[in-house]
Amino acid sequence: MAITIEQLRNGLAKVTSRIKSREPEALLLTGKRLEGIMKRRIFNDGKATSGSNIGKYKSKQWIRKRQDKGRQTGKVDLQFKGDLIRSFKTVRDGDEVVLAIVNDQDFAKAKGNEDRRKKDIFVPGQEEVRQVEQYFDDIISDIVEQEFLKI
């Protein structure tokens, strides 16, 4: 079935409007994806932004304390009680979605680790950014396809 230029113009306007209305959803999903990727890198793999190990545990007392709690001691993974990983979250801030450490004490803990180790840890790496950009593009492509099927 053929459509007129006016019908096409109206259809495109509707699709554009629908895509814009779903942008917050796409941003939130993308933020959550980045949160998961970064949490795995930091808290499971024990890696800094650069991909290097965050560090090694040096204090015999701390190593013993970690062992007593059943924690690994081979490399720093910034997990002990779980407070820091729980406070590192995707947060909606107005029209933006950001990753934040939402507890002041945990923020100080994270900043102290970065300063002490002279490494960025809670900053996304280039590959992480590439992955979430691709993920966002895929979400938008899916939304565009879904909305075009509605006209």
C-alpha atoms as a PDB file:
ATOM      1  CA  MET A   1       0.000   0.000   0.000  1.00  0.00           C
ATOM      2  CA  ALA A   2       1.395   3.386  -0.978  1.00  0.00           C
ATOM      3  CA  ILE A   3       1.416   6.300   1.426  1.00  0.00           C
ATOM      4  CA  THR A   4       1.474  10.000   0.752  1.00  0.00           C
ATOM      5  CA  ILE A   5       4.289  12.328   1.748  1.00  0.00           C
ATOM      6  CA  GLU A   6       1.978  13.824   4.381  1.00  0.00           C
ATOM      7  CA  GLN A   7       1.256  10.388   5.880  1.00  0.00           C
ATOM      8  CA  LEU A   8       4.977   9.637   5.951  1.00  0.00           C
ATOM      9  CA  ARG A   9       5.709  12.997   7.596  1.00  0.00           C
ATOM     10  CA  ASN A  10       3.017  12.399  10.246  1.00  0.00           C
ATOM     11  CA  GLY A  11       4.226   8.847  10.834  1.00  0.00           C
ATOM     12  CA  LEU A  12       7.824  10.016  11.278  1.00  0.00           C
ATOM     13  CA  ALA A  13       6.693  12.706  13.711  1.00  0.00           C
ATOM     14  CA  LYS A  14       4.875  10.068  15.791  1.00  0.00           C
ATOM     15  CA  VAL A  15       7.867   7.729  15.742  1.00  0.00           C
ATOM     16  CA  THR A  16      10.211  10.557  16.746  1.00  0.00           C
ATOM     17  CA  SER A  17       7.921  11.530  19.611  1.00  0.00           C
ATOM     18  CA  ARG A  18       7.646   7.931  20.828  1.00  0.00           C
ATOM     19  CA  ILE A  19      11.407   7.437  20.673  1.00  0.00           C
ATOM     20  CA  LYS A  20      11.958  10.602  22.709  1.00  0.00           C
ATOM     21  CA  SER A  21       9.417   9.467  25.287  1.00  0.00           C
ATOM     22  CA  ARG A  22      11.299   6.164  25.705  1.00  0.00           C
ATOM     23  CA  GLU A  23      14.746   7.740  25.975  1.00  0.00           C
ATOM     24  CA  PRO A  24      14.702   7.746  29.824  1.00  0.00           C
ATOM     25  CA  GLU A  25      14.014   3.997  29.748  1.00  0.00           C
ATOM     26  CA  ALA A  26      16.952   3.445  27.372  1.00  0.00           C
ATOM     27  CA  LEU A  27      19.266   5.562  29.527  1.00  0.00           C
ATOM     28  CA  LEU A  28      18.286   3.708  32.702  1.00  0.00           C
ATOM     29  CA  LEU A  29      18.827   0.308  31.063  1.00  0.00           C
ATOM     30  CA  THR A  30      22.214   1.468  29.776  1.00  0.00           C
ATOM     31  CA  GLY A  31      23.204   2.780  33.205  1.00  0.00           C
ATOM     32  CA  LYS A  32      22.249  -0.533  34.792  1.00  0.00           C
ATOM     33  CA  ARG A  33      24.318  -2.370  32.191  1.00  0.00           C
ATOM     34  CA  LEU A  34      27.365  -0.201  32.947  1.00  0.00           C
ATOM     35  CA  GLU A  35      26.803  -0.724  36.677  1.00  0.00           C
ATOM     36  CA  GLY A  36      26.926  -4.493  36.205  1.00  0.00           C
ATOM     37  CA  ILE A  37      30.007  -4.390  33.991  1.00  0.00           C
ATOM     38  CA  MET A  38      31.904  -2.148  36.397  1.00  0.00           C
ATOM     39  CA  LYS A  39      30.851  -4.081  39.507  1.00  0.00           C
ATOM     40  CA  ARG A  40      32.147  -7.276  37.962  1.00  0.00           C
ATOM     41  CA  ARG A  41      35.468  -5.632  37.052  1.00  0.00           C
ATOM     42  CA  ILE A  42      35.979  -4.024  40.454  1.00  0.00           C
ATOM     43  CA  PHE A  43      34.414  -6.401  42.960  1.00  0.00           C
ATOM     44  CA  ASN A  44      34.846  -9.781  41.237  1.00  0.00           C
ATOM     45  CA  ASP A  45      37.919  -9.387  39.039  1.00  0.00           C
ATOM     46  CA  GLY A  46      39.729  -6.874  41.293  1.00  0.00           C
ATOM     47  CA  LYS A  47      40.690  -4.651  38.355  1.00  0.00           C
ATOM     48  CA  ALA A  48      41.211  -0.893  38.099  1.00  0.00           C
ATOM     49  CA  THR A  49      39.899   1.177  35.190  1.00  0.00           C
ATOM     50  CA  SER A  50      43.117   0.530  33.242  1.00  0.00           C
ATOM     51  CA  GLY A  51      42.644  -3.236  33.523  1.00  0.00           C
ATOM     52  CA  SER A  52      45.527  -3.664  35.965  1.00  0.00           C
ATOM     53  CA  ASN A  53      44.968  -5.342  39.312  1.00  0.00           C
ATOM     54  CA  ILE A  54      43.746  -2.932  41.978  1.00  0.00           C
ATOM     55  CA  GLY A  55      46.513  -4.243  44.194  1.00  0.00           C
ATOM     56  CA  LYS A  56      47.624  -6.915  46.633  1.00  0.00           C
ATOM     57  CA  TYR A  57      46.824  -7.195  50.313  1.00  0.00           C
ATOM     58  CA  LYS A  58      49.985  -6.409  52.290  1.00  0.00           C
ATOM     59  CA  SER A  59      48.912  -6.247  55.929  1.00  0.00           C
ATOM     60  CA  LYS A  60      49.174  -9.654  57.589  1.00  0.00           C
ATOM     61  CA  GLN A  61      46.424  -8.620  60.022  1.00  0.00           C
ATOM     62  CA  TRP A  62      44.062  -7.686  57.191  1.00  0.00           C
ATOM     63  CA  ILE A  63      44.857 -10.894  55.297  1.00  0.00           C
ATOM     64  CA  ARG A  64      44.115 -12.911  58.445  1.00  0.00           C
ATOM     65  CA  LYS A  65      40.880 -10.978  59.042  1.00  0.00           C
ATOM     66  CA  ARG A  66      39.768 -11.642  55.456  1.00  0.00           C
ATOM     67  CA  GLN A  67      40.649 -15.329  55.755  1.00  0.00           C
ATOM     68  CA  ASP A  68      38.696 -15.585  59.010  1.00  0.00           C
ATOM     69  CA  LYS A  69      35.630 -14.238  57.163  1.00  0.00           C
ATOM     70  CA  GLY A  70      36.137 -16.644  54.244  1.00  0.00           C
ATOM     71  CA  ARG A  71      37.270 -13.925  51.826  1.00  0.00           C
ATOM     72  CA  GLN A  72      39.930 -14.407  49.175  1.00  0.00           C
ATOM     73  CA  THR A  73      43.316 -12.777  49.790  1.00  0.00           C
ATOM     74  CA  GLY A  74      45.063 -13.154  46.436  1.00  0.00           C
ATOM     75  CA  LYS A  75      44.181  -9.666  45.178  1.00  0.00           C
ATOM     76  CA  VAL A  76      42.316  -6.569  46.290  1.00  0.00           C
ATOM     77  CA  ASP A  77      38.644  -6.790  45.292  1.00  0.00           C
ATOM     78  CA  LEU A  78      37.204  -4.079  47.580  1.00  0.00           C
ATOM     79  CA  GLN A  79      34.701  -6.513  49.072  1.00  0.00           C
ATOM     80  CA  PHE A  80      34.532  -7.303  52.725  1.00  0.00           C
ATOM     81  CA  LYS A  81      31.107  -6.626  54.238  1.00  0.00           C
ATOM     82  CA  GLY A  82      29.467  -5.660  50.931  1.00  0.00           C
ATOM     83  CA  ASP A  83      28.650  -2.057  51.847  1.00  0.00           C
ATOM     84  CA  LEU A  84      30.612  -0.484  48.992  1.00  0.00           C
ATOM     85  CA  ILE A  85      29.181  -2.699  46.245  1.00  0.00           C
ATOM     86  CA  ARG A  86      25.648  -2.055  47.534  1.00  0.00           C
ATOM     87  CA  SER A  87      26.105   1.711  47.570  1.00  0.00           C
ATOM     88  CA  PHE A  88      27.505   1.840  43.989  1.00  0.00           C
ATOM     89  CA  LYS A  89      24.278   2.355  42.042  1.00  0.00           C
ATOM     90  CA  THR A  90      22.604   3.656  38.939  1.00  0.00           C
ATOM     91  CA  VAL A  91      20.667   6.772  39.916  1.00  0.00           C
ATOM     92  CA  ARG A  92      18.302   9.011  37.974  1.00  0.00           C
ATOM     93  CA  ASP A  93      19.271  12.670  38.460  1.00  0.00           C
ATOM     94  CA  GLY A  94      16.676  14.805  36.696  1.00  0.00           C
ATOM     95  CA  ASP A  95      16.912  13.946  33.006  1.00  0.00           C
ATOM     96  CA  GLU A  96      20.237  12.172  33.454  1.00  0.00           C
ATOM     97  CA  VAL A  97      21.216   8.731  34.644  1.00  0.00           C
ATOM     98  CA  VAL A  98      24.479   8.492  36.584  1.00  0.00           C
ATOM     99  CA  LEU A  99      26.487   5.911  38.476  1.00  0.00           C
ATOM    100  CA  ALA A 100      27.106   7.089  42.012  1.00  0.00           C
ATOM    101  CA  ILE A 101      28.316   5.892  45.359  1.00  0.00           C
ATOM    102  CA  VAL A 102      25.278   6.971  47.332  1.00  0.00           C
ATOM    103  CA  ASN A 103      26.687   6.663  50.857  1.00  0.00           C
ATOM    104  CA  ASP A 104      29.194   9.288  52.072  1.00  0.00           C
ATOM    105  CA  GLN A 105      31.189   6.780  54.111  1.00  0.00           C
ATOM    106  CA  ASP A 106      31.468   4.408  51.143  1.00  0.00           C
ATOM    107  CA  PHE A 107      32.344   7.304  48.825  1.00  0.00           C
ATOM    108  CA  ALA A 108      35.218   8.203  51.163  1.00  0.00           C
ATOM    109  CA  LYS A 109      36.283   4.538  51.197  1.00  0.00           C
ATOM    110  CA  ALA A 110      36.297   4.387  47.372  1.00  0.00           C
ATOM    111  CA  LYS A 111      38.135   7.711  47.021  1.00  0.00           C
ATOM    112  CA  GLY A 112      40.663   6.625  49.650  1.00  0.00           C
ATOM    113  CA  ASN A 113      41.385   3.420  47.736  1.00  0.00           C
ATOM    114  CA  GLU A 114      41.881   5.332  44.483  1.00  0.00           C
ATOM    115  CA  ASP A 115      44.159   7.888  46.163  1.00  0.00           C
ATOM    116  CA  ARG A 116      46.166   5.298  48.109  1.00  0.00           C
ATOM    117  CA  ARG A 117      46.677   3.086  45.072  1.00  0.00           C
ATOM    118  CA  LYS A 118      47.089   6.032  42.644  1.00  0.00           C
ATOM    119  CA  LYS A 119      44.607   4.418  40.235  1.00  0.00           C
ATOM    120  CA  ASP A 120      41.213   5.195  38.805  1.00  0.00           C
ATOM    121  CA  ILE A 121      38.884   2.414  39.889  1.00  0.00           C
ATOM    122  CA  PHE A 122      35.356   3.827  39.818  1.00  0.00           C
ATOM    123  CA  VAL A 123      35.678   5.370  36.339  1.00  0.00           C
ATOM    124  CA  PRO A 124      34.499   3.378  33.309  1.00  0.00           C
ATOM    125  CA  GLY A 125      37.245   2.141  31.020  1.00  0.00           C
ATOM    126  CA  GLN A 126      37.289   2.629  27.249  1.00  0.00           C
ATOM    127  CA  GLU A 127      36.047  -0.893  26.542  1.00  0.00           C
ATOM    128  CA  GLU A 128      33.251  -0.502  29.093  1.00  0.00           C
ATOM    129  CA  VAL A 129      32.187   2.755  27.438  1.00  0.00           C
ATOM    130  CA  ARG A 130      32.286   1.090  24.015  1.00  0.00           C
ATOM    131  CA  GLN A 131      30.140  -1.788  25.287  1.00  0.00           C
ATOM    132  CA  VAL A 132      27.455   0.451  26.763  1.00  0.00           C
ATOM    133  CA  GLU A 133      27.430   2.743  23.722  1.00  0.00           C
ATOM    134  CA  GLN A 134      26.755  -0.326  21.574  1.00  0.00           C
ATOM    135  CA  TYR A 135      24.107  -1.485  24.052  1.00  0.00           C
ATOM    136  CA  PHE A 136      22.396   1.935  23.950  1.00  0.00           C
ATOM    137  CA  ASP A 137      22.490   1.904  20.128  1.00  0.00           C
ATOM    138  CA  ASP A 138      20.911  -1.566  20.149  1.00  0.00           C
ATOM    139  CA  ILE A 139      18.149  -0.419  22.512  1.00  0.00           C
ATOM    140  CA  ILE A 140      17.393   2.632  20.366  1.00  0.00           C
ATOM    141  CA  SER A 141      17.401   0.491  17.208  1.00  0.00           C
ATOM    142  CA  ASP A 142      14.904  -1.892  18.827  1.00  0.00           C
ATOM    143  CA  ILE A 143      12.697   1.032  19.867  1.00  0.00           C
ATOM    144  CA  VAL A 144      12.828   2.520  16.349  1.00  0.00           C
ATOM    145  CA  GLU A 145      11.905  -0.828  14.825  1.00  0.00           C
ATOM    146  CA  GLN A 146       9.030  -1.355  17.287  1.00  0.00           C
ATOM    147  CA  GLU A 147       7.671   2.143  16.704  1.00  0.00           C
ATOM    148  CA  PHE A 148       7.900   1.926  12.901  1.00  0.00           C
ATOM    149  CA  LEU A 149       5.891  -1.286  13.012  1.00  0.00           C
ATOM    150  CA  LYS A 150       3.101   0.650  14.736  1.00  0.00           C
ATOM    151  CA  ILE A 151       2.594   3.130  11.868  1.00  0.00           C
END
